[in-house]
Amino acid sequence: MSKNKHHGSTLKSLLAEDDLLDDAAMAATKKVIAMQIAVSMKKQGLTKSAMAASMSTTRAQLDRLLDPDNDSVTLATLKRAAKALGKSLKLELT
């Protein structure tokens, strides 16, 4: 039996070593939330204009919310999006 010469640390431990784990987790969370909102809008047949109107916001702000790489979204915006979709927002510390 030979040892695997490519055996090493995990991606999680590498990110943790470089103090990037929290940033990676936050970016992934934003991508998931943006996808969940987009999928819910599609299922409900909501256009961006209709969604923005039901959130009492602009289409530009909705575009920022739906941009998976834009992390400058406030909790208030997320709450209005959830309400517009008939959903609730749940956050937790782990």
PDB file of N, CA and C in Angstrom:
ATOM      1  N   MET A   1       0.830  -1.179   0.000  1.00  0.00           N
ATOM      2  CA  MET A   1       0.000   0.000   0.000  1.00  0.00           C
ATOM      3  C   MET A   1       0.877   1.246   0.000  1.00  0.00           C
ATOM      4  N   SER A   2       0.572   2.139  -0.900  1.00  0.00           N
ATOM      5  CA  SER A   2       1.346   3.380  -0.939  1.00  0.00           C
ATOM      6  C   SER A   2       0.519   4.513  -0.366  1.00  0.00           C
ATOM      7  N   LYS A   3       1.216   5.465   0.217  1.00  0.00           N
ATOM      8  CA  LYS A   3       0.537   6.625   0.775  1.00  0.00           C
ATOM      9  C   LYS A   3       0.169   7.589  -0.345  1.00  0.00           C
ATOM     10  N   ASN A   4      -0.925   8.266  -0.162  1.00  0.00           N
ATOM     11  CA  ASN A   4      -1.362   9.258  -1.141  1.00  0.00           C
ATOM     12  C   ASN A   4      -0.480  10.492  -1.009  1.00  0.00           C
ATOM     13  N   LYS A   5       0.303  10.794  -2.048  1.00  0.00           N
ATOM     14  CA  LYS A   5       1.219  11.933  -1.972  1.00  0.00           C
ATOM     15  C   LYS A   5       0.480  13.266  -2.064  1.00  0.00           C
ATOM     16  N   HIS A   6      -0.813  13.235  -2.408  1.00  0.00           N
ATOM     17  CA  HIS A   6      -1.592  14.464  -2.530  1.00  0.00           C
ATOM     18  C   HIS A   6      -2.438  14.739  -1.283  1.00  0.00           C
ATOM     19  N   HIS A   7      -2.259  13.960  -0.254  1.00  0.00           N
ATOM     20  CA  HIS A   7      -3.031  14.139   0.971  1.00  0.00           C
ATOM     21  C   HIS A   7      -2.576  15.412   1.672  1.00  0.00           C
ATOM     22  N   GLY A   8      -3.531  16.228   2.072  1.00  0.00           N
ATOM     23  CA  GLY A   8      -3.169  17.481   2.732  1.00  0.00           C
ATOM     24  C   GLY A   8      -4.334  18.016   3.528  1.00  0.00           C
ATOM     25  N   SER A   9      -4.284  19.280   3.793  1.00  0.00           N
ATOM     26  CA  SER A   9      -5.336  19.902   4.585  1.00  0.00           C
ATOM     27  C   SER A   9      -6.601  20.107   3.745  1.00  0.00           C
ATOM     28  N   THR A  10      -7.696  20.335   4.433  1.00  0.00           N
ATOM     29  CA  THR A  10      -8.960  20.576   3.747  1.00  0.00           C
ATOM     30  C   THR A  10      -9.056  22.048   3.337  1.00  0.00           C
ATOM     31  N   LEU A  11      -9.979  22.336   2.458  1.00  0.00           N
ATOM     32  CA  LEU A  11     -10.207  23.721   2.051  1.00  0.00           C
ATOM     33  C   LEU A  11     -10.641  24.548   3.254  1.00  0.00           C
ATOM     34  N   LYS A  12     -11.477  23.964   4.090  1.00  0.00           N
ATOM     35  CA  LYS A  12     -11.952  24.673   5.279  1.00  0.00           C
ATOM     36  C   LYS A  12     -10.785  25.066   6.184  1.00  0.00           C
ATOM     37  N   SER A  13      -9.851  24.143   6.403  1.00  0.00           N
ATOM     38  CA  SER A  13      -8.720  24.470   7.271  1.00  0.00           C
ATOM     39  C   SER A  13      -7.793  25.485   6.613  1.00  0.00           C
ATOM     40  N   LEU A  14      -7.654  25.419   5.305  1.00  0.00           N
ATOM     41  CA  LEU A  14      -6.836  26.404   4.590  1.00  0.00           C
ATOM     42  C   LEU A  14      -7.445  27.801   4.705  1.00  0.00           C
ATOM     43  N   LEU A  15      -8.755  27.900   4.502  1.00  0.00           N
ATOM     44  CA  LEU A  15      -9.430  29.195   4.640  1.00  0.00           C
ATOM     45  C   LEU A  15      -9.338  29.712   6.065  1.00  0.00           C
ATOM     46  N   ALA A  16      -9.462  28.815   7.037  1.00  0.00           N
ATOM     47  CA  ALA A  16      -9.368  29.220   8.433  1.00  0.00           C
ATOM     48  C   ALA A  16      -7.972  29.734   8.764  1.00  0.00           C
ATOM     49  N   GLU A  17      -6.944  29.072   8.226  1.00  0.00           N
ATOM     50  CA  GLU A  17      -5.566  29.513   8.452  1.00  0.00           C
ATOM     51  C   GLU A  17      -5.337  30.926   7.934  1.00  0.00           C
ATOM     52  N   ASP A  18      -5.963  31.240   6.806  1.00  0.00           N
ATOM     53  CA  ASP A  18      -5.785  32.549   6.184  1.00  0.00           C
ATOM     54  C   ASP A  18      -6.846  33.561   6.624  1.00  0.00           C
ATOM     55  N   ASP A  19      -7.612  33.228   7.659  1.00  0.00           N
ATOM     56  CA  ASP A  19      -8.685  34.096   8.161  1.00  0.00           C
ATOM     57  C   ASP A  19      -9.693  34.470   7.077  1.00  0.00           C
ATOM     58  N   LEU A  20      -9.987  33.530   6.204  1.00  0.00           N
ATOM     59  CA  LEU A  20     -10.935  33.772   5.114  1.00  0.00           C
ATOM     60  C   LEU A  20     -12.213  32.955   5.253  1.00  0.00           C
ATOM     61  N   LEU A  21     -12.285  32.108   6.257  1.00  0.00           N
ATOM     62  CA  LEU A  21     -13.424  31.203   6.392  1.00  0.00           C
ATOM     63  C   LEU A  21     -14.730  31.962   6.590  1.00  0.00           C
ATOM     64  N   ASP A  22     -14.741  32.960   7.456  1.00  0.00           N
ATOM     65  CA  ASP A  22     -15.968  33.732   7.693  1.00  0.00           C
ATOM     66  C   ASP A  22     -16.405  34.471   6.434  1.00  0.00           C
ATOM     67  N   ASP A  23     -15.452  35.037   5.701  1.00  0.00           N
ATOM     68  CA  ASP A  23     -15.787  35.750   4.464  1.00  0.00           C
ATOM     69  C   ASP A  23     -16.375  34.793   3.422  1.00  0.00           C
ATOM     70  N   ALA A  24     -15.794  33.601   3.322  1.00  0.00           N
ATOM     71  CA  ALA A  24     -16.294  32.615   2.360  1.00  0.00           C
ATOM     72  C   ALA A  24     -17.701  32.158   2.730  1.00  0.00           C
ATOM     73  N   ALA A  25     -17.942  31.952   4.015  1.00  0.00           N
ATOM     74  CA  ALA A  25     -19.268  31.532   4.470  1.00  0.00           C
ATOM     75  C   ALA A  25     -20.296  32.625   4.216  1.00  0.00           C
ATOM     76  N   MET A  26     -19.928  33.886   4.452  1.00  0.00           N
ATOM     77  CA  MET A  26     -20.851  34.987   4.225  1.00  0.00           C
ATOM     78  C   MET A  26     -21.169  35.142   2.729  1.00  0.00           C
ATOM     79  N   ALA A  27     -20.150  35.004   1.890  1.00  0.00           N
ATOM     80  CA  ALA A  27     -20.374  35.096   0.448  1.00  0.00           C
ATOM     81  C   ALA A  27     -21.291  33.973  -0.032  1.00  0.00           C
ATOM     82  N   ALA A  28     -21.092  32.786   0.487  1.00  0.00           N
ATOM     83  CA  ALA A  28     -21.937  31.651   0.104  1.00  0.00           C
ATOM     84  C   ALA A  28     -23.369  31.868   0.560  1.00  0.00           C
ATOM     85  N   THR A  29     -23.541  32.406   1.756  1.00  0.00           N
ATOM     86  CA  THR A  29     -24.881  32.681   2.272  1.00  0.00           C
ATOM     87  C   THR A  29     -25.595  33.693   1.391  1.00  0.00           C
ATOM     88  N   LYS A  30     -24.904  34.748   0.985  1.00  0.00           N
ATOM     89  CA  LYS A  30     -25.513  35.774   0.121  1.00  0.00           C
ATOM     90  C   LYS A  30     -25.936  35.167  -1.208  1.00  0.00           C
ATOM     91  N   LYS A  31     -25.114  34.295  -1.761  1.00  0.00           N
ATOM     92  CA  LYS A  31     -25.457  33.640  -3.031  1.00  0.00           C
ATOM     93  C   LYS A  31     -26.709  32.785  -2.886  1.00  0.00           C
ATOM     94  N   VAL A  32     -26.821  32.068  -1.774  1.00  0.00           N
ATOM     95  CA  VAL A  32     -27.991  31.210  -1.537  1.00  0.00           C
ATOM     96  C   VAL A  32     -29.245  32.066  -1.375  1.00  0.00           C
ATOM     97  N   ILE A  33     -29.150  33.150  -0.614  1.00  0.00           N
ATOM     98  CA  ILE A  33     -30.315  34.016  -0.407  1.00  0.00           C
ATOM     99  C   ILE A  33     -30.756  34.639  -1.730  1.00  0.00           C
ATOM    100  N   ALA A  34     -29.808  35.128  -2.517  1.00  0.00           N
ATOM    101  CA  ALA A  34     -30.152  35.720  -3.811  1.00  0.00           C
ATOM    102  C   ALA A  34     -30.844  34.687  -4.703  1.00  0.00           C
ATOM    103  N   MET A  35     -30.349  33.449  -4.684  1.00  0.00           N
ATOM    104  CA  MET A  35     -30.953  32.390  -5.496  1.00  0.00           C
ATOM    105  C   MET A  35     -32.359  32.054  -4.993  1.00  0.00           C
ATOM    106  N   GLN A  36     -32.532  31.982  -3.669  1.00  0.00           N
ATOM    107  CA  GLN A  36     -33.848  31.667  -3.113  1.00  0.00           C
ATOM    108  C   GLN A  36     -34.875  32.735  -3.489  1.00  0.00           C
ATOM    109  N   ILE A  37     -34.477  33.985  -3.452  1.00  0.00           N
ATOM    110  CA  ILE A  37     -35.388  35.077  -3.826  1.00  0.00           C
ATOM    111  C   ILE A  37     -35.736  34.980  -5.305  1.00  0.00           C
ATOM    112  N   ALA A  38     -34.738  34.775  -6.146  1.00  0.00           N
ATOM    113  CA  ALA A  38     -34.983  34.676  -7.592  1.00  0.00           C
ATOM    114  C   ALA A  38     -35.894  33.497  -7.930  1.00  0.00           C
ATOM    115  N   VAL A  39     -35.665  32.354  -7.287  1.00  0.00           N
ATOM    116  CA  VAL A  39     -36.492  31.169  -7.535  1.00  0.00           C
ATOM    117  C   VAL A  39     -37.934  31.416  -7.077  1.00  0.00           C
ATOM    118  N   SER A  40     -38.094  32.024  -5.911  1.00  0.00           N
ATOM    119  CA  SER A  40     -39.443  32.319  -5.403  1.00  0.00           C
ATOM    120  C   SER A  40     -40.164  33.303  -6.314  1.00  0.00           C
ATOM    121  N   MET A  41     -39.438  34.307  -6.804  1.00  0.00           N
ATOM    122  CA  MET A  41     -40.049  35.264  -7.732  1.00  0.00           C
ATOM    123  C   MET A  41     -40.531  34.546  -8.985  1.00  0.00           C
ATOM    124  N   LYS A  42     -39.697  33.665  -9.521  1.00  0.00           N
ATOM    125  CA  LYS A  42     -40.055  32.943 -10.743  1.00  0.00           C
ATOM    126  C   LYS A  42     -41.274  32.053 -10.508  1.00  0.00           C
ATOM    127  N   LYS A  43     -41.290  31.327  -9.379  1.00  0.00           N
ATOM    128  CA  LYS A  43     -42.416  30.440  -9.066  1.00  0.00           C
ATOM    129  C   LYS A  43     -43.727  31.215  -8.952  1.00  0.00           C
ATOM    130  N   GLN A  44     -43.636  32.447  -8.427  1.00  0.00           N
ATOM    131  CA  GLN A  44     -44.828  33.261  -8.240  1.00  0.00           C
ATOM    132  C   GLN A  44     -45.135  34.134  -9.450  1.00  0.00           C
ATOM    133  N   GLY A  45     -44.295  34.058 -10.473  1.00  0.00           N
ATOM    134  CA  GLY A  45     -44.509  34.844 -11.684  1.00  0.00           C
ATOM    135  C   GLY A  45     -44.305  36.343 -11.478  1.00  0.00           C
ATOM    136  N   LEU A  46     -43.451  36.708 -10.533  1.00  0.00           N
ATOM    137  CA  LEU A  46     -43.199  38.121 -10.258  1.00  0.00           C
ATOM    138  C   LEU A  46     -42.070  38.657 -11.123  1.00  0.00           C
ATOM    139  N   THR A  47     -42.331  39.747 -11.790  1.00  0.00           N
ATOM    140  CA  THR A  47     -41.270  40.425 -12.522  1.00  0.00           C
ATOM    141  C   THR A  47     -40.450  41.244 -11.526  1.00  0.00           C
ATOM    142  N   LYS A  48     -39.298  41.712 -11.971  1.00  0.00           N
ATOM    143  CA  LYS A  48     -38.480  42.560 -11.103  1.00  0.00           C
ATOM    144  C   LYS A  48     -39.220  43.843 -10.752  1.00  0.00           C
ATOM    145  N   SER A  49     -39.931  44.390 -11.709  1.00  0.00           N
ATOM    146  CA  SER A  49     -40.678  45.624 -11.440  1.00  0.00           C
ATOM    147  C   SER A  49     -41.769  45.403 -10.406  1.00  0.00           C
ATOM    148  N   ALA A  50     -42.489  44.300 -10.531  1.00  0.00           N
ATOM    149  CA  ALA A  50     -43.553  43.997  -9.569  1.00  0.00           C
ATOM    150  C   ALA A  50     -42.975  43.709  -8.189  1.00  0.00           C
ATOM    151  N   MET A  51     -41.871  42.991  -8.149  1.00  0.00           N
ATOM    152  CA  MET A  51     -41.236  42.683  -6.867  1.00  0.00           C
ATOM    153  C   MET A  51     -40.739  43.959  -6.199  1.00  0.00           C
ATOM    154  N   ALA A  52     -40.095  44.815  -6.962  1.00  0.00           N
ATOM    155  CA  ALA A  52     -39.596  46.079  -6.408  1.00  0.00           C
ATOM    156  C   ALA A  52     -40.748  46.922  -5.877  1.00  0.00           C
ATOM    157  N   ALA A  53     -41.841  46.964  -6.604  1.00  0.00           N
ATOM    158  CA  ALA A  53     -43.007  47.736  -6.163  1.00  0.00           C
ATOM    159  C   ALA A  53     -43.579  47.169  -4.871  1.00  0.00           C
ATOM    160  N   SER A  54     -43.655  45.847  -4.771  1.00  0.00           N
ATOM    161  CA  SER A  54     -44.211  45.247  -3.558  1.00  0.00           C
ATOM    162  C   SER A  54     -43.273  45.405  -2.360  1.00  0.00           C
ATOM    163  N   MET A  55     -42.000  45.663  -2.624  1.00  0.00           N
ATOM    164  CA  MET A  55     -41.034  45.922  -1.558  1.00  0.00           C
ATOM    165  C   MET A  55     -40.917  47.405  -1.242  1.00  0.00           C
ATOM    166  N   SER A  56     -41.623  48.243  -2.005  1.00  0.00           N
ATOM    167  CA  SER A  56     -41.523  49.703  -1.878  1.00  0.00           C
ATOM    168  C   SER A  56     -40.082  50.169  -2.052  1.00  0.00           C
ATOM    169  N   THR A  57     -39.455  49.662  -3.107  1.00  0.00           N
ATOM    170  CA  THR A  57     -38.068  50.012  -3.391  1.00  0.00           C
ATOM    171  C   THR A  57     -37.880  50.191  -4.891  1.00  0.00           C
ATOM    172  N   THR A  58     -36.674  50.457  -5.290  1.00  0.00           N
ATOM    173  CA  THR A  58     -36.372  50.636  -6.712  1.00  0.00           C
ATOM    174  C   THR A  58     -35.909  49.323  -7.321  1.00  0.00           C
ATOM    175  N   ARG A  59     -35.971  49.283  -8.628  1.00  0.00           N
ATOM    176  CA  ARG A  59     -35.468  48.105  -9.319  1.00  0.00           C
ATOM    177  C   ARG A  59     -33.961  47.973  -9.156  1.00  0.00           C
ATOM    178  N   ALA A  60     -33.277  49.103  -9.063  1.00  0.00           N
ATOM    179  CA  ALA A  60     -31.823  49.078  -8.867  1.00  0.00           C
ATOM    180  C   ALA A  60     -31.475  48.405  -7.541  1.00  0.00           C
ATOM    181  N   GLN A  61     -32.242  48.716  -6.487  1.00  0.00           N
ATOM    182  CA  GLN A  61     -31.978  48.080  -5.194  1.00  0.00           C
ATOM    183  C   GLN A  61     -32.296  46.593  -5.254  1.00  0.00           C
ATOM    184  N   LEU A  62     -33.347  46.233  -5.956  1.00  0.00           N
ATOM    185  CA  LEU A  62     -33.673  44.817  -6.117  1.00  0.00           C
ATOM    186  C   LEU A  62     -32.563  44.107  -6.887  1.00  0.00           C
ATOM    187  N   ASP A  63     -32.021  44.747  -7.914  1.00  0.00           N
ATOM    188  CA  ASP A  63     -30.913  44.148  -8.665  1.00  0.00           C
ATOM    189  C   ASP A  63     -29.712  43.899  -7.763  1.00  0.00           C
ATOM    190  N   ARG A  64     -29.429  44.817  -6.831  1.00  0.00           N
ATOM    191  CA  ARG A  64     -28.331  44.608  -5.878  1.00  0.00           C
ATOM    192  C   ARG A  64     -28.631  43.417  -4.972  1.00  0.00           C
ATOM    193  N   LEU A  65     -29.882  43.300  -4.573  1.00  0.00           N
ATOM    194  CA  LEU A  65     -30.289  42.172  -3.734  1.00  0.00           C
ATOM    195  C   LEU A  65     -30.119  40.846  -4.470  1.00  0.00           C
ATOM    196  N   LEU A  66     -30.463  40.822  -5.737  1.00  0.00           N
ATOM    197  CA  LEU A  66     -30.387  39.596  -6.534  1.00  0.00           C
ATOM    198  C   LEU A  66     -28.980  39.295  -7.046  1.00  0.00           C
ATOM    199  N   ASP A  67     -28.067  40.250  -6.924  1.00  0.00           N
ATOM    200  CA  ASP A  67     -26.680  40.052  -7.357  1.00  0.00           C
ATOM    201  C   ASP A  67     -25.966  39.204  -6.314  1.00  0.00           C
ATOM    202  N   PRO A  68     -25.596  37.973  -6.652  1.00  0.00           N
ATOM    203  CA  PRO A  68     -24.982  37.093  -5.655  1.00  0.00           C
ATOM    204  C   PRO A  68     -23.632  37.587  -5.145  1.00  0.00           C
ATOM    205  N   ASP A  69     -23.009  38.494  -5.861  1.00  0.00           N
ATOM    206  CA  ASP A  69     -21.693  38.993  -5.453  1.00  0.00           C
ATOM    207  C   ASP A  69     -21.760  40.315  -4.704  1.00  0.00           C
ATOM    208  N   ASN A  70     -22.948  40.879  -4.567  1.00  0.00           N
ATOM    209  CA  ASN A  70     -23.098  42.155  -3.866  1.00  0.00           C
ATOM    210  C   ASN A  70     -23.513  41.864  -2.429  1.00  0.00           C
ATOM    211  N   ASP A  71     -22.625  42.161  -1.499  1.00  0.00           N
ATOM    212  CA  ASP A  71     -22.921  41.844  -0.098  1.00  0.00           C
ATOM    213  C   ASP A  71     -23.352  43.066   0.710  1.00  0.00           C
ATOM    214  N   SER A  72     -23.750  44.131   0.030  1.00  0.00           N
ATOM    215  CA  SER A  72     -24.154  45.349   0.745  1.00  0.00           C
ATOM    216  C   SER A  72     -25.671  45.420   0.897  1.00  0.00           C
ATOM    217  N   VAL A  73     -26.260  44.334   1.334  1.00  0.00           N
ATOM    218  CA  VAL A  73     -27.704  44.254   1.514  1.00  0.00           C
ATOM    219  C   VAL A  73     -28.020  44.369   3.000  1.00  0.00           C
ATOM    220  N   THR A  74     -29.026  45.159   3.324  1.00  0.00           N
ATOM    221  CA  THR A  74     -29.386  45.336   4.728  1.00  0.00           C
ATOM    222  C   THR A  74     -30.424  44.297   5.159  1.00  0.00           C
ATOM    223  N   LEU A  75     -30.527  44.130   6.459  1.00  0.00           N
ATOM    224  CA  LEU A  75     -31.547  43.227   7.001  1.00  0.00           C
ATOM    225  C   LEU A  75     -32.938  43.733   6.675  1.00  0.00           C
ATOM    226  N   ALA A  76     -33.116  45.044   6.671  1.00  0.00           N
ATOM    227  CA  ALA A  76     -34.426  45.618   6.345  1.00  0.00           C
ATOM    228  C   ALA A  76     -34.831  45.246   4.923  1.00  0.00           C
ATOM    229  N   THR A  77     -33.884  45.283   3.998  1.00  0.00           N
ATOM    230  CA  THR A  77     -34.176  44.917   2.604  1.00  0.00           C
ATOM    231  C   THR A  77     -34.531  43.438   2.506  1.00  0.00           C
ATOM    232  N   LEU A  78     -33.782  42.601   3.210  1.00  0.00           N
ATOM    233  CA  LEU A  78     -34.081  41.163   3.198  1.00  0.00           C
ATOM    234  C   LEU A  78     -35.468  40.890   3.786  1.00  0.00           C
ATOM    235  N   LYS A  79     -35.805  41.609   4.843  1.00  0.00           N
ATOM    236  CA  LYS A  79     -37.118  41.436   5.475  1.00  0.00           C
ATOM    237  C   LYS A  79     -38.238  41.845   4.514  1.00  0.00           C
ATOM    238  N   ARG A  80     -38.063  42.966   3.810  1.00  0.00           N
ATOM    239  CA  ARG A  80     -39.090  43.405   2.842  1.00  0.00           C
ATOM    240  C   ARG A  80     -39.211  42.416   1.692  1.00  0.00           C
ATOM    241  N   ALA A  81     -38.099  41.847   1.245  1.00  0.00           N
ATOM    242  CA  ALA A  81     -38.145  40.855   0.167  1.00  0.00           C
ATOM    243  C   ALA A  81     -38.902  39.610   0.623  1.00  0.00           C
ATOM    244  N   ALA A  82     -38.591  39.151   1.819  1.00  0.00           N
ATOM    245  CA  ALA A  82     -39.282  37.968   2.344  1.00  0.00           C
ATOM    246  C   ALA A  82     -40.782  38.221   2.446  1.00  0.00           C
ATOM    247  N   LYS A  83     -41.145  39.381   2.977  1.00  0.00           N
ATOM    248  CA  LYS A  83     -42.565  39.716   3.124  1.00  0.00           C
ATOM    249  C   LYS A  83     -43.259  39.788   1.770  1.00  0.00           C
ATOM    250  N   ALA A  84     -42.594  40.379   0.780  1.00  0.00           N
ATOM    251  CA  ALA A  84     -43.173  40.488  -0.565  1.00  0.00           C
ATOM    252  C   ALA A  84     -43.416  39.115  -1.189  1.00  0.00           C
ATOM    253  N   LEU A  85     -42.632  38.130  -0.764  1.00  0.00           N
ATOM    254  CA  LEU A  85     -42.771  36.776  -1.287  1.00  0.00           C
ATOM    255  C   LEU A  85     -43.662  35.890  -0.407  1.00  0.00           C
ATOM    256  N   GLY A  86     -44.228  36.494   0.649  1.00  0.00           N
ATOM    257  CA  GLY A  86     -45.072  35.720   1.553  1.00  0.00           C
ATOM    258  C   GLY A  86     -44.269  34.789   2.438  1.00  0.00           C
ATOM    259  N   LYS A  87     -43.032  35.155   2.685  1.00  0.00           N
ATOM    260  CA  LYS A  87     -42.144  34.327   3.496  1.00  0.00           C
ATOM    261  C   LYS A  87     -41.668  35.139   4.689  1.00  0.00           C
ATOM    262  N   SER A  88     -40.927  34.491   5.570  1.00  0.00           N
ATOM    263  CA  SER A  88     -40.327  35.206   6.699  1.00  0.00           C
ATOM    264  C   SER A  88     -38.812  35.039   6.625  1.00  0.00           C
ATOM    265  N   LEU A  89     -38.128  35.948   7.260  1.00  0.00           N
ATOM    266  CA  LEU A  89     -36.680  35.911   7.303  1.00  0.00           C
ATOM    267  C   LEU A  89     -36.243  35.320   8.630  1.00  0.00           C
ATOM    268  N   LYS A  90     -35.368  34.336   8.584  1.00  0.00           N
ATOM    269  CA  LYS A  90     -34.875  33.712   9.801  1.00  0.00           C
ATOM    270  C   LYS A  90     -33.347  33.799   9.805  1.00  0.00           C
ATOM    271  N   LEU A  91     -32.816  34.427  10.840  1.00  0.00           N
ATOM    272  CA  LEU A  91     -31.370  34.528  11.019  1.00  0.00           C
ATOM    273  C   LEU A  91     -31.010  33.877  12.327  1.00  0.00           C
ATOM    274  N   GLU A  92     -29.809  33.311  12.395  1.00  0.00           N
ATOM    275  CA  GLU A  92     -29.371  32.734  13.648  1.00  0.00           C
ATOM    276  C   GLU A  92     -27.867  32.803  13.748  1.00  0.00           C
ATOM    277  N   LEU A  93     -27.384  32.873  14.957  1.00  0.00           N
ATOM    278  CA  LEU A  93     -25.966  32.802  15.227  1.00  0.00           C
ATOM    279  C   LEU A  93     -25.617  31.357  15.516  1.00  0.00           C
ATOM    280  N   THR A  94     -24.544  30.896  14.943  1.00  0.00           N
ATOM    281  CA  THR A  94     -24.137  29.503  15.187  1.00  0.00           C
ATOM    282  C   THR A  94     -22.731  29.457  15.717  1.00  0.00           C
TER     283      THR A  94
END
